[in-house]
Amino acid sequence: MSENVDFFDAVVTDYPQDSDHAPLLQDPVHARVARAGDVADGDLILAAVSQRGTDYFNDQYTAHPEPYDPACQCGVCCHVTHENGGVVVLSNGHPWTTCDPWRADDLVLIIPAIRLPDRDTKK
């Protein structure tokens, strides 16, 4: 069963090259903007994208999405319980000791993980 995932064109032109940011581990030519709700396990998260610009994280990290639990006691999930719409946790415990909740419609700059075709799909 294939999934409908929205990707948006992205051009990474100016990745911060200072001591606070780790060097990119992948070629930025593969970067795509996706909705947080479309991020898949193994995608490399580079930055948050908004109307104000792109906020690169100090270290890129691998996504491991899981359902959002508003009763979670991590200390971060409680800050998004008031958000309208869906919320997704893109990582839990890495690279931080807390969850990484995002509004499902927020935009995130990612390098998609390699996705192998579904073996059950008949051509």
PDB file of N, CA and C in Angstrom:
ATOM      1  N   MET A   1       0.840  -1.174   0.000  1.00  0.00           N
ATOM      2  CA  MET A   1       0.000   0.000   0.000  1.00  0.00           C
ATOM      3  C   MET A   1       0.883   1.233   0.000  1.00  0.00           C
ATOM      4  N   SER A   2       0.724   2.081  -0.991  1.00  0.00           N
ATOM      5  CA  SER A   2       1.547   3.286  -1.056  1.00  0.00           C
ATOM      6  C   SER A   2       0.885   4.406  -0.271  1.00  0.00           C
ATOM      7  N   GLU A   3       1.717   5.306   0.219  1.00  0.00           N
ATOM      8  CA  GLU A   3       1.225   6.441   0.992  1.00  0.00           C
ATOM      9  C   GLU A   3       1.364   7.704   0.166  1.00  0.00           C
ATOM     10  N   ASN A   4       0.458   8.639   0.357  1.00  0.00           N
ATOM     11  CA  ASN A   4       0.542   9.923  -0.305  1.00  0.00           C
ATOM     12  C   ASN A   4       1.319  10.870   0.604  1.00  0.00           C
ATOM     13  N   VAL A   5       2.525  11.240   0.176  1.00  0.00           N
ATOM     14  CA  VAL A   5       3.378  12.116   0.968  1.00  0.00           C
ATOM     15  C   VAL A   5       3.654  13.363   0.151  1.00  0.00           C
ATOM     16  N   ASP A   6       3.446  14.529   0.744  1.00  0.00           N
ATOM     17  CA  ASP A   6       3.724  15.785   0.052  1.00  0.00           C
ATOM     18  C   ASP A   6       5.149  16.231   0.323  1.00  0.00           C
ATOM     19  N   PHE A   7       5.894  16.493  -0.744  1.00  0.00           N
ATOM     20  CA  PHE A   7       7.206  17.123  -0.647  1.00  0.00           C
ATOM     21  C   PHE A   7       7.123  18.443  -1.390  1.00  0.00           C
ATOM     22  N   PHE A   8       7.864  19.417  -0.945  1.00  0.00           N
ATOM     23  CA  PHE A   8       7.908  20.713  -1.586  1.00  0.00           C
ATOM     24  C   PHE A   8       9.339  20.974  -2.036  1.00  0.00           C
ATOM     25  N   ASP A   9       9.494  21.641  -3.162  1.00  0.00           N
ATOM     26  CA  ASP A   9      10.837  21.943  -3.642  1.00  0.00           C
ATOM     27  C   ASP A   9      11.586  22.783  -2.621  1.00  0.00           C
ATOM     28  N   ALA A  10      12.872  22.508  -2.499  1.00  0.00           N
ATOM     29  CA  ALA A  10      13.710  23.267  -1.572  1.00  0.00           C
ATOM     30  C   ALA A  10      15.083  23.458  -2.194  1.00  0.00           C
ATOM     31  N   VAL A  11      15.662  24.599  -1.939  1.00  0.00           N
ATOM     32  CA  VAL A  11      17.032  24.859  -2.342  1.00  0.00           C
ATOM     33  C   VAL A  11      17.774  25.287  -1.086  1.00  0.00           C
ATOM     34  N   VAL A  12      18.764  24.504  -0.689  1.00  0.00           N
ATOM     35  CA  VAL A  12      19.553  24.835   0.487  1.00  0.00           C
ATOM     36  C   VAL A  12      20.731  25.666  -0.007  1.00  0.00           C
ATOM     37  N   THR A  13      20.686  26.968   0.262  1.00  0.00           N
ATOM     38  CA  THR A  13      21.715  27.853  -0.264  1.00  0.00           C
ATOM     39  C   THR A  13      22.700  28.335   0.785  1.00  0.00           C
ATOM     40  N   ASP A  14      22.284  28.341   2.045  1.00  0.00           N
ATOM     41  CA  ASP A  14      23.163  28.909   3.058  1.00  0.00           C
ATOM     42  C   ASP A  14      23.005  28.164   4.370  1.00  0.00           C
ATOM     43  N   TYR A  15      23.697  27.052   4.497  1.00  0.00           N
ATOM     44  CA  TYR A  15      23.675  26.298   5.747  1.00  0.00           C
ATOM     45  C   TYR A  15      24.661  26.962   6.700  1.00  0.00           C
ATOM     46  N   PRO A  16      24.278  27.213   7.945  1.00  0.00           N
ATOM     47  CA  PRO A  16      25.186  27.884   8.877  1.00  0.00           C
ATOM     48  C   PRO A  16      26.511  27.124   9.028  1.00  0.00           C
ATOM     49  N   GLN A  17      27.595  27.804   8.829  1.00  0.00           N
ATOM     50  CA  GLN A  17      28.923  27.189   8.934  1.00  0.00           C
ATOM     51  C   GLN A  17      29.674  27.794  10.119  1.00  0.00           C
ATOM     52  N   ASP A  18      29.087  27.687  11.288  1.00  0.00           N
ATOM     53  CA  ASP A  18      29.750  28.211  12.475  1.00  0.00           C
ATOM     54  C   ASP A  18      29.974  27.080  13.470  1.00  0.00           C
ATOM     55  N   SER A  19      30.583  27.400  14.571  1.00  0.00           N
ATOM     56  CA  SER A  19      30.944  26.362  15.536  1.00  0.00           C
ATOM     57  C   SER A  19      29.735  25.751  16.245  1.00  0.00           C
ATOM     58  N   ASP A  20      28.556  26.387  16.133  1.00  0.00           N
ATOM     59  CA  ASP A  20      27.359  25.850  16.783  1.00  0.00           C
ATOM     60  C   ASP A  20      26.656  24.787  15.958  1.00  0.00           C
ATOM     61  N   HIS A  21      26.954  24.715  14.675  1.00  0.00           N
ATOM     62  CA  HIS A  21      26.245  23.795  13.798  1.00  0.00           C
ATOM     63  C   HIS A  21      27.173  22.698  13.307  1.00  0.00           C
ATOM     64  N   ALA A  22      26.713  21.469  13.430  1.00  0.00           N
ATOM     65  CA  ALA A  22      27.481  20.337  12.912  1.00  0.00           C
ATOM     66  C   ALA A  22      27.437  20.375  11.389  1.00  0.00           C
ATOM     67  N   PRO A  23      28.473  19.898  10.727  1.00  0.00           N
ATOM     68  CA  PRO A  23      28.429  19.871   9.262  1.00  0.00           C
ATOM     69  C   PRO A  23      27.331  18.915   8.789  1.00  0.00           C
ATOM     70  N   LEU A  24      26.739  19.234   7.635  1.00  0.00           N
ATOM     71  CA  LEU A  24      25.725  18.345   7.082  1.00  0.00           C
ATOM     72  C   LEU A  24      26.346  16.997   6.766  1.00  0.00           C
ATOM     73  N   LEU A  25      25.636  15.939   7.113  1.00  0.00           N
ATOM     74  CA  LEU A  25      26.125  14.590   6.866  1.00  0.00           C
ATOM     75  C   LEU A  25      25.706  14.080   5.492  1.00  0.00           C
ATOM     76  N   GLN A  26      24.802  14.777   4.857  1.00  0.00           N
ATOM     77  CA  GLN A  26      24.292  14.386   3.545  1.00  0.00           C
ATOM     78  C   GLN A  26      24.378  15.577   2.604  1.00  0.00           C
ATOM     79  N   ASP A  27      24.366  15.310   1.319  1.00  0.00           N
ATOM     80  CA  ASP A  27      24.383  16.365   0.310  1.00  0.00           C
ATOM     81  C   ASP A  27      23.055  17.127   0.368  1.00  0.00           C
ATOM     82  N   PRO A  28      23.077  18.449   0.557  1.00  0.00           N
ATOM     83  CA  PRO A  28      21.825  19.208   0.674  1.00  0.00           C
ATOM     84  C   PRO A  28      20.999  19.215  -0.609  1.00  0.00           C
ATOM     85  N   VAL A  29      21.548  18.732  -1.709  1.00  0.00           N
ATOM     86  CA  VAL A  29      20.758  18.661  -2.941  1.00  0.00           C
ATOM     87  C   VAL A  29      19.567  17.722  -2.760  1.00  0.00           C
ATOM     88  N   HIS A  30      19.642  16.812  -1.795  1.00  0.00           N
ATOM     89  CA  HIS A  30      18.564  15.872  -1.534  1.00  0.00           C
ATOM     90  C   HIS A  30      17.526  16.410  -0.553  1.00  0.00           C
ATOM     91  N   ALA A  31      17.738  17.607  -0.032  1.00  0.00           N
ATOM     92  CA  ALA A  31      16.830  18.180   0.968  1.00  0.00           C
ATOM     93  C   ALA A  31      15.473  18.487   0.356  1.00  0.00           C
ATOM     94  N   ARG A  32      14.438  18.261   1.149  1.00  0.00           N
ATOM     95  CA  ARG A  32      13.057  18.536   0.760  1.00  0.00           C
ATOM     96  C   ARG A  32      12.334  19.142   1.956  1.00  0.00           C
ATOM     97  N   VAL A  33      11.330  19.945   1.653  1.00  0.00           N
ATOM     98  CA  VAL A  33      10.466  20.468   2.704  1.00  0.00           C
ATOM     99  C   VAL A  33       9.227  19.583   2.742  1.00  0.00           C
ATOM    100  N   ALA A  34       8.866  19.132   3.923  1.00  0.00           N
ATOM    101  CA  ALA A  34       7.697  18.270   4.098  1.00  0.00           C
ATOM    102  C   ALA A  34       6.918  18.734   5.319  1.00  0.00           C
ATOM    103  N   ARG A  35       5.678  18.342   5.378  1.00  0.00           N
ATOM    104  CA  ARG A  35       4.897  18.582   6.595  1.00  0.00           C
ATOM    105  C   ARG A  35       5.396  17.622   7.678  1.00  0.00           C
ATOM    106  N   ALA A  36       5.405  18.075   8.911  1.00  0.00           N
ATOM    107  CA  ALA A  36       5.878  17.221  10.011  1.00  0.00           C
ATOM    108  C   ALA A  36       5.085  15.921  10.074  1.00  0.00           C
ATOM    109  N   GLY A  37       3.815  15.973   9.756  1.00  0.00           N
ATOM    110  CA  GLY A  37       2.991  14.775   9.775  1.00  0.00           C
ATOM    111  C   GLY A  37       3.352  13.768   8.692  1.00  0.00           C
ATOM    112  N   ASP A  38       4.130  14.201   7.683  1.00  0.00           N
ATOM    113  CA  ASP A  38       4.563  13.310   6.600  1.00  0.00           C
ATOM    114  C   ASP A  38       5.978  12.786   6.800  1.00  0.00           C
ATOM    115  N   VAL A  39       6.664  13.227   7.843  1.00  0.00           N
ATOM    116  CA  VAL A  39       8.032  12.766   8.086  1.00  0.00           C
ATOM    117  C   VAL A  39       7.990  11.286   8.439  1.00  0.00           C
ATOM    118  N   ALA A  40       8.903  10.525   7.828  1.00  0.00           N
ATOM    119  CA  ALA A  40       8.928   9.077   8.022  1.00  0.00           C
ATOM    120  C   ALA A  40      10.131   8.665   8.858  1.00  0.00           C
ATOM    121  N   ASP A  41      10.050   7.480   9.403  1.00  0.00           N
ATOM    122  CA  ASP A  41      11.150   6.930  10.180  1.00  0.00           C
ATOM    123  C   ASP A  41      12.413   6.897   9.327  1.00  0.00           C
ATOM    124  N   GLY A  42      13.485   7.439   9.845  1.00  0.00           N
ATOM    125  CA  GLY A  42      14.759   7.458   9.144  1.00  0.00           C
ATOM    126  C   GLY A  42      15.048   8.732   8.388  1.00  0.00           C
ATOM    127  N   ASP A  43      14.051   9.612   8.187  1.00  0.00           N
ATOM    128  CA  ASP A  43      14.316  10.892   7.534  1.00  0.00           C
ATOM    129  C   ASP A  43      15.276  11.700   8.404  1.00  0.00           C
ATOM    130  N   LEU A  44      16.170  12.439   7.765  1.00  0.00           N
ATOM    131  CA  LEU A  44      17.126  13.271   8.490  1.00  0.00           C
ATOM    132  C   LEU A  44      16.544  14.674   8.616  1.00  0.00           C
ATOM    133  N   ILE A  45      16.338  15.139   9.831  1.00  0.00           N
ATOM    134  CA  ILE A  45      15.731  16.444  10.092  1.00  0.00           C
ATOM    135  C   ILE A  45      16.846  17.480  10.188  1.00  0.00           C
ATOM    136  N   LEU A  46      16.722  18.516   9.333  1.00  0.00           N
ATOM    137  CA  LEU A  46      17.744  19.565   9.287  1.00  0.00           C
ATOM    138  C   LEU A  46      17.302  20.871   9.922  1.00  0.00           C
ATOM    139  N   ALA A  47      16.013  21.263   9.716  1.00  0.00           N
ATOM    140  CA  ALA A  47      15.601  22.596  10.140  1.00  0.00           C
ATOM    141  C   ALA A  47      14.084  22.713  10.177  1.00  0.00           C
ATOM    142  N   ALA A  48      13.616  23.699  10.913  1.00  0.00           N
ATOM    143  CA  ALA A  48      12.214  24.089  10.897  1.00  0.00           C
ATOM    144  C   ALA A  48      12.070  25.210   9.867  1.00  0.00           C
ATOM    145  N   VAL A  49      10.982  25.181   9.106  1.00  0.00           N
ATOM    146  CA  VAL A  49      10.751  26.171   8.059  1.00  0.00           C
ATOM    147  C   VAL A  49       9.475  26.932   8.402  1.00  0.00           C
ATOM    148  N   SER A  50       9.546  28.260   8.344  1.00  0.00           N
ATOM    149  CA  SER A  50       8.370  29.080   8.616  1.00  0.00           C
ATOM    150  C   SER A  50       8.421  30.318   7.724  1.00  0.00           C
ATOM    151  N   GLN A  51       7.425  31.165   7.858  1.00  0.00           N
ATOM    152  CA  GLN A  51       7.398  32.407   7.081  1.00  0.00           C
ATOM    153  C   GLN A  51       8.560  33.322   7.461  1.00  0.00           C
ATOM    154  N   ARG A  52       9.099  33.150   8.657  1.00  0.00           N
ATOM    155  CA  ARG A  52      10.222  33.983   9.108  1.00  0.00           C
ATOM    156  C   ARG A  52      11.551  33.497   8.556  1.00  0.00           C
ATOM    157  N   GLY A  53      11.576  32.297   8.003  1.00  0.00           N
ATOM    158  CA  GLY A  53      12.820  31.764   7.459  1.00  0.00           C
ATOM    159  C   GLY A  53      13.038  30.328   7.900  1.00  0.00           C
ATOM    160  N   THR A  54      14.268  29.904   7.798  1.00  0.00           N
ATOM    161  CA  THR A  54      14.638  28.541   8.141  1.00  0.00           C
ATOM    162  C   THR A  54      15.496  28.554   9.391  1.00  0.00           C
ATOM    163  N   ASP A  55      15.117  27.757  10.373  1.00  0.00           N
ATOM    164  CA  ASP A  55      15.834  27.666  11.640  1.00  0.00           C
ATOM    165  C   ASP A  55      16.555  26.320  11.682  1.00  0.00           C
ATOM    166  N   TYR A  56      17.850  26.336  11.307  1.00  0.00           N
ATOM    167  CA  TYR A  56      18.636  25.115  11.325  1.00  0.00           C
ATOM    168  C   TYR A  56      18.932  24.718  12.767  1.00  0.00           C
ATOM    169  N   PHE A  57      18.914  23.413  13.005  1.00  0.00           N
ATOM    170  CA  PHE A  57      19.240  22.911  14.329  1.00  0.00           C
ATOM    171  C   PHE A  57      20.747  22.760  14.453  1.00  0.00           C
ATOM    172  N   ASN A  58      21.250  22.800  15.668  1.00  0.00           N
ATOM    173  CA  ASN A  58      22.695  22.664  15.877  1.00  0.00           C
ATOM    174  C   ASN A  58      23.207  21.341  15.330  1.00  0.00           C
ATOM    175  N   ASP A  59      22.418  20.300  15.455  1.00  0.00           N
ATOM    176  CA  ASP A  59      22.755  18.984  14.919  1.00  0.00           C
ATOM    177  C   ASP A  59      21.542  18.436  14.192  1.00  0.00           C
ATOM    178  N   GLN A  60      21.765  17.914  12.994  1.00  0.00           N
ATOM    179  CA  GLN A  60      20.665  17.213  12.333  1.00  0.00           C
ATOM    180  C   GLN A  60      20.431  15.904  13.081  1.00  0.00           C
ATOM    181  N   TYR A  61      19.217  15.384  12.993  1.00  0.00           N
ATOM    182  CA  TYR A  61      18.914  14.150  13.716  1.00  0.00           C
ATOM    183  C   TYR A  61      17.934  13.302  12.922  1.00  0.00           C
ATOM    184  N   THR A  62      17.935  12.020  13.205  1.00  0.00           N
ATOM    185  CA  THR A  62      17.093  11.068  12.500  1.00  0.00           C
ATOM    186  C   THR A  62      15.712  11.000  13.145  1.00  0.00           C
ATOM    187  N   ALA A  63      14.697  11.064  12.300  1.00  0.00           N
ATOM    188  CA  ALA A  63      13.315  11.010  12.789  1.00  0.00           C
ATOM    189  C   ALA A  63      12.907   9.588  13.140  1.00  0.00           C
ATOM    190  N   HIS A  64      12.180   9.495  14.226  1.00  0.00           N
ATOM    191  CA  HIS A  64      11.538   8.244  14.644  1.00  0.00           C
ATOM    192  C   HIS A  64      10.142   8.632  15.127  1.00  0.00           C
ATOM    193  N   PRO A  65       9.234   8.944  14.178  1.00  0.00           N
ATOM    194  CA  PRO A  65       7.905   9.437  14.560  1.00  0.00           C
ATOM    195  C   PRO A  65       7.113   8.443  15.397  1.00  0.00           C
ATOM    196  N   GLU A  66       6.314   9.007  16.277  1.00  0.00           N
ATOM    197  CA  GLU A  66       5.399   8.206  17.088  1.00  0.00           C
ATOM    198  C   GLU A  66       4.206   9.078  17.450  1.00  0.00           C
ATOM    199  N   PRO A  67       3.117   8.471  17.863  1.00  0.00           N
ATOM    200  CA  PRO A  67       1.933   9.249  18.211  1.00  0.00           C
ATOM    201  C   PRO A  67       2.214  10.203  19.375  1.00  0.00           C
ATOM    202  N   TYR A  68       1.545  11.319  19.353  1.00  0.00           N
ATOM    203  CA  TYR A  68       1.646  12.322  20.401  1.00  0.00           C
ATOM    204  C   TYR A  68       0.763  11.928  21.575  1.00  0.00           C
ATOM    205  N   ASP A  69       1.299  12.033  22.773  1.00  0.00           N
ATOM    206  CA  ASP A  69       0.553  11.728  23.995  1.00  0.00           C
ATOM    207  C   ASP A  69       0.477  13.004  24.828  1.00  0.00           C
ATOM    208  N   PRO A  70      -0.671  13.679  24.841  1.00  0.00           N
ATOM    209  CA  PRO A  70      -0.775  14.935  25.587  1.00  0.00           C
ATOM    210  C   PRO A  70      -0.542  14.781  27.087  1.00  0.00           C
ATOM    211  N   ALA A  71      -0.632  13.563  27.604  1.00  0.00           N
ATOM    212  CA  ALA A  71      -0.396  13.328  29.026  1.00  0.00           C
ATOM    213  C   ALA A  71       1.062  12.966  29.319  1.00  0.00           C
ATOM    214  N   CYS A  72       1.899  13.004  28.293  1.00  0.00           N
ATOM    215  CA  CYS A  72       3.312  12.668  28.470  1.00  0.00           C
ATOM    216  C   CYS A  72       3.944  13.604  29.506  1.00  0.00           C
ATOM    217  N   GLN A  73       4.816  13.067  30.307  1.00  0.00           N
ATOM    218  CA  GLN A  73       5.459  13.833  31.383  1.00  0.00           C
ATOM    219  C   GLN A  73       6.897  14.231  31.047  1.00  0.00           C
ATOM    220  N   CYS A  74       7.245  14.305  29.749  1.00  0.00           N
ATOM    221  CA  CYS A  74       8.629  14.605  29.360  1.00  0.00           C
ATOM    222  C   CYS A  74       9.026  16.048  29.658  1.00  0.00           C
ATOM    223  N   GLY A  75       8.049  16.931  29.795  1.00  0.00           N
ATOM    224  CA  GLY A  75       8.341  18.341  30.056  1.00  0.00           C
ATOM    225  C   GLY A  75       8.230  19.212  28.821  1.00  0.00           C
ATOM    226  N   VAL A  76       8.065  18.620  27.631  1.00  0.00           N
ATOM    227  CA  VAL A  76       7.912  19.387  26.397  1.00  0.00           C
ATOM    228  C   VAL A  76       6.528  19.194  25.810  1.00  0.00           C
ATOM    229  N   CYS A  77       6.025  17.977  25.821  1.00  0.00           N
ATOM    230  CA  CYS A  77       4.707  17.686  25.236  1.00  0.00           C
ATOM    231  C   CYS A  77       3.604  18.553  25.837  1.00  0.00           C
ATOM    232  N   CYS A  78       3.727  18.906  27.080  1.00  0.00           N
ATOM    233  CA  CYS A  78       2.706  19.719  27.741  1.00  0.00           C
ATOM    234  C   CYS A  78       2.586  21.110  27.121  1.00  0.00           C
ATOM    235  N   HIS A  79       3.609  21.555  26.394  1.00  0.00           N
ATOM    236  CA  HIS A  79       3.589  22.897  25.800  1.00  0.00           C
ATOM    237  C   HIS A  79       2.807  22.957  24.497  1.00  0.00           C
ATOM    238  N   VAL A  80       2.425  21.812  23.933  1.00  0.00           N
ATOM    239  CA  VAL A  80       1.669  21.821  22.683  1.00  0.00           C
ATOM    240  C   VAL A  80       0.265  21.264  22.853  1.00  0.00           C
ATOM    241  N   THR A  81      -0.173  21.042  24.073  1.00  0.00           N
ATOM    242  CA  THR A  81      -1.518  20.502  24.288  1.00  0.00           C
ATOM    243  C   THR A  81      -2.590  21.473  23.822  1.00  0.00           C
ATOM    244  N   HIS A  82      -2.293  22.754  23.756  1.00  0.00           N
ATOM    245  CA  HIS A  82      -3.266  23.763  23.341  1.00  0.00           C
ATOM    246  C   HIS A  82      -3.307  23.960  21.829  1.00  0.00           C
ATOM    247  N   GLU A  83      -2.421  23.323  21.070  1.00  0.00           N
ATOM    248  CA  GLU A  83      -2.338  23.525  19.623  1.00  0.00           C
ATOM    249  C   GLU A  83      -3.570  22.980  18.915  1.00  0.00           C
ATOM    250  N   ASN A  84      -4.044  23.725  17.931  1.00  0.00           N
ATOM    251  CA  ASN A  84      -5.138  23.255  17.088  1.00  0.00           C
ATOM    252  C   ASN A  84      -4.569  22.311  16.043  1.00  0.00           C
ATOM    253  N   GLY A  85      -5.311  21.307  15.687  1.00  0.00           N
ATOM    254  CA  GLY A  85      -4.865  20.355  14.680  1.00  0.00           C
ATOM    255  C   GLY A  85      -4.032  19.252  15.299  1.00  0.00           C
ATOM    256  N   GLY A  86      -3.506  18.408  14.439  1.00  0.00           N
ATOM    257  CA  GLY A  86      -2.738  17.269  14.903  1.00  0.00           C
ATOM    258  C   GLY A  86      -1.348  17.624  15.369  1.00  0.00           C
ATOM    259  N   VAL A  87      -0.812  16.781  16.210  1.00  0.00           N
ATOM    260  CA  VAL A  87       0.556  16.917  16.703  1.00  0.00           C
ATOM    261  C   VAL A  87       1.223  15.563  16.528  1.00  0.00           C
ATOM    262  N   VAL A  88       2.485  15.573  16.148  1.00  0.00           N
ATOM    263  CA  VAL A  88       3.250  14.344  15.992  1.00  0.00           C
ATOM    264  C   VAL A  88       4.571  14.502  16.742  1.00  0.00           C
ATOM    265  N   VAL A  89       5.062  13.427  17.303  1.00  0.00           N
ATOM    266  CA  VAL A  89       6.372  13.423  17.962  1.00  0.00           C
ATOM    267  C   VAL A  89       7.362  12.864  16.940  1.00  0.00           C
ATOM    268  N   LEU A  90       8.356  13.666  16.553  1.00  0.00           N
ATOM    269  CA  LEU A  90       9.306  13.225  15.525  1.00  0.00           C
ATOM    270  C   LEU A  90      10.488  12.464  16.100  1.00  0.00           C
ATOM    271  N   SER A  91      10.722  12.603  17.380  1.00  0.00           N
ATOM    272  CA  SER A  91      11.798  11.861  18.022  1.00  0.00           C
ATOM    273  C   SER A  91      11.518  11.820  19.513  1.00  0.00           C
ATOM    274  N   ASN A  92      11.934  10.753  20.138  1.00  0.00           N
ATOM    275  CA  ASN A  92      11.716  10.618  21.577  1.00  0.00           C
ATOM    276  C   ASN A  92      13.006  10.115  22.205  1.00  0.00           C
ATOM    277  N   GLY A  93      13.718  11.020  22.830  1.00  0.00           N
ATOM    278  CA  GLY A  93      14.932  10.638  23.539  1.00  0.00           C
ATOM    279  C   GLY A  93      16.210  10.796  22.748  1.00  0.00           C
ATOM    280  N   HIS A  94      16.128  11.208  21.489  1.00  0.00           N
ATOM    281  CA  HIS A  94      17.346  11.457  20.720  1.00  0.00           C
ATOM    282  C   HIS A  94      17.098  12.606  19.773  1.00  0.00           C
ATOM    283  N   PRO A  95      17.854  13.609  19.725  1.00  0.00           N
ATOM    284  CA  PRO A  95      19.096  13.802  20.465  1.00  0.00           C
ATOM    285  C   PRO A  95      18.905  14.387  21.862  1.00  0.00           C
ATOM    286  N   TRP A  96      17.644  14.608  22.262  1.00  0.00           N
ATOM    287  CA  TRP A  96      17.385  15.156  23.586  1.00  0.00           C
ATOM    288  C   TRP A  96      16.818  14.065  24.484  1.00  0.00           C
ATOM    289  N   THR A  97      16.701  14.370  25.758  1.00  0.00           N
ATOM    290  CA  THR A  97      16.120  13.408  26.688  1.00  0.00           C
ATOM    291  C   THR A  97      14.609  13.548  26.748  1.00  0.00           C
ATOM    292  N   THR A  98      14.053  14.474  25.963  1.00  0.00           N
ATOM    293  CA  THR A  98      12.605  14.704  25.939  1.00  0.00           C
ATOM    294  C   THR A  98      12.058  14.362  24.557  1.00  0.00           C
ATOM    295  N   CYS A  99      10.750  14.447  24.425  1.00  0.00           N
ATOM    296  CA  CYS A  99      10.101  14.262  23.129  1.00  0.00           C
ATOM    297  C   CYS A  99      10.349  15.495  22.253  1.00  0.00           C
ATOM    298  N   ASP A 100      10.091  15.331  20.971  1.00  0.00           N
ATOM    299  CA  ASP A 100      10.228  16.408  19.992  1.00  0.00           C
ATOM    300  C   ASP A 100       8.893  16.572  19.261  1.00  0.00           C
ATOM    301  N   PRO A 101       7.885  17.193  19.944  1.00  0.00           N
ATOM    302  CA  PRO A 101       6.569  17.325  19.326  1.00  0.00           C
ATOM    303  C   PRO A 101       6.521  18.485  18.324  1.00  0.00           C
ATOM    304  N   TRP A 102       5.807  18.264  17.225  1.00  0.00           N
ATOM    305  CA  TRP A 102       5.597  19.266  16.176  1.00  0.00           C
ATOM    306  C   TRP A 102       4.116  19.286  15.830  1.00  0.00           C
ATOM    307  N   ARG A 103       3.614  20.454  15.459  1.00  0.00           N
ATOM    308  CA  ARG A 103       2.287  20.502  14.837  1.00  0.00           C
ATOM    309  C   ARG A 103       2.394  19.761  13.518  1.00  0.00           C
ATOM    310  N   ALA A 104       1.441  18.903  13.211  1.00  0.00           N
ATOM    311  CA  ALA A 104       1.514  18.049  12.027  1.00  0.00           C
ATOM    312  C   ALA A 104       1.623  18.853  10.727  1.00  0.00           C
ATOM    313  N   ASP A 105       1.084  20.069  10.689  1.00  0.00           N
ATOM    314  CA  ASP A 105       1.137  20.893   9.478  1.00  0.00           C
ATOM    315  C   ASP A 105       2.365  21.785   9.391  1.00  0.00           C
ATOM    316  N   ASP A 106       3.189  21.825  10.435  1.00  0.00           N
ATOM    317  CA  ASP A 106       4.411  22.626  10.373  1.00  0.00           C
ATOM    318  C   ASP A 106       5.344  22.059   9.316  1.00  0.00           C
ATOM    319  N   LEU A 107       6.145  22.940   8.726  1.00  0.00           N
ATOM    320  CA  LEU A 107       7.073  22.515   7.683  1.00  0.00           C
ATOM    321  C   LEU A 107       8.448  22.249   8.274  1.00  0.00           C
ATOM    322  N   VAL A 108       9.078  21.205   7.768  1.00  0.00           N
ATOM    323  CA  VAL A 108      10.393  20.786   8.250  1.00  0.00           C
ATOM    324  C   VAL A 108      11.266  20.471   7.047  1.00  0.00           C
ATOM    325  N   LEU A 109      12.526  20.883   7.109  1.00  0.00           N
ATOM    326  CA  LEU A 109      13.492  20.580   6.056  1.00  0.00           C
ATOM    327  C   LEU A 109      14.131  19.241   6.388  1.00  0.00           C
ATOM    328  N   ILE A 110      14.003  18.292   5.473  1.00  0.00           N
ATOM    329  CA  ILE A 110      14.500  16.936   5.712  1.00  0.00           C
ATOM    330  C   ILE A 110      15.313  16.445   4.521  1.00  0.00           C
ATOM    331  N   ILE A 111      16.092  15.435   4.754  1.00  0.00           N
ATOM    332  CA  ILE A 111      16.633  14.611   3.682  1.00  0.00           C
ATOM    333  C   ILE A 111      15.936  13.272   3.850  1.00  0.00           C
ATOM    334  N   PRO A 112      15.072  12.911   2.873  1.00  0.00           N
ATOM    335  CA  PRO A 112      14.298  11.684   3.028  1.00  0.00           C
ATOM    336  C   PRO A 112      15.185  10.449   3.122  1.00  0.00           C
ATOM    337  N   ALA A 113      14.753   9.509   3.948  1.00  0.00           N
ATOM    338  CA  ALA A 113      15.422   8.216   4.041  1.00  0.00           C
ATOM    339  C   ALA A 113      15.166   7.465   2.743  1.00  0.00           C
ATOM    340  N   ILE A 114      16.024   6.538   2.440  1.00  0.00           N
ATOM    341  CA  ILE A 114      15.813   5.710   1.258  1.00  0.00           C
ATOM    342  C   ILE A 114      14.615   4.820   1.522  1.00  0.00           C
ATOM    343  N   ARG A 115      13.662   4.864   0.626  1.00  0.00           N
ATOM    344  CA  ARG A 115      12.469   4.040   0.763  1.00  0.00           C
ATOM    345  C   ARG A 115      12.496   2.962  -0.309  1.00  0.00           C
ATOM    346  N   LEU A 116      12.479   1.722   0.127  1.00  0.00           N
ATOM    347  CA  LEU A 116      12.476   0.605  -0.799  1.00  0.00           C
ATOM    348  C   LEU A 116      11.045   0.322  -1.234  1.00  0.00           C
ATOM    349  N   PRO A 117      10.862  -0.125  -2.467  1.00  0.00           N
ATOM    350  CA  PRO A 117       9.499  -0.431  -2.913  1.00  0.00           C
ATOM    351  C   PRO A 117       8.884  -1.549  -2.086  1.00  0.00           C
ATOM    352  N   ASP A 118       7.581  -1.482  -1.936  1.00  0.00           N
ATOM    353  CA  ASP A 118       6.847  -2.504  -1.203  1.00  0.00           C
ATOM    354  C   ASP A 118       6.885  -3.799  -1.999  1.00  0.00           C
ATOM    355  N   ARG A 119       7.348  -4.866  -1.387  1.00  0.00           N
ATOM    356  CA  ARG A 119       7.469  -6.160  -2.091  1.00  0.00           C
ATOM    357  C   ARG A 119       6.125  -6.741  -2.493  1.00  0.00           C
ATOM    358  N   ASP A 120       5.068  -6.341  -1.790  1.00  0.00           N
ATOM    359  CA  ASP A 120       3.752  -6.899  -2.085  1.00  0.00           C
ATOM    360  C   ASP A 120       3.071  -6.181  -3.252  1.00  0.00           C
ATOM    361  N   THR A 121       3.667  -5.094  -3.726  1.00  0.00           N
ATOM    362  CA  THR A 121       3.073  -4.354  -4.824  1.00  0.00           C
ATOM    363  C   THR A 121       3.310  -5.087  -6.128  1.00  0.00           C
ATOM    364  N   LYS A 122       2.232  -5.370  -6.844  1.00  0.00           N
ATOM    365  CA  LYS A 122       2.348  -6.031  -8.142  1.00  0.00           C
ATOM    366  C   LYS A 122       2.299  -4.988  -9.232  1.00  0.00           C
ATOM    367  N   LYS A 123       3.158  -5.183 -10.220  1.00  0.00           N
ATOM    368  CA  LYS A 123       3.193  -4.217 -11.329  1.00  0.00           C
ATOM    369  C   LYS A 123       2.395  -4.728 -12.495  1.00  0.00           C
TER     370      LYS A 123
END
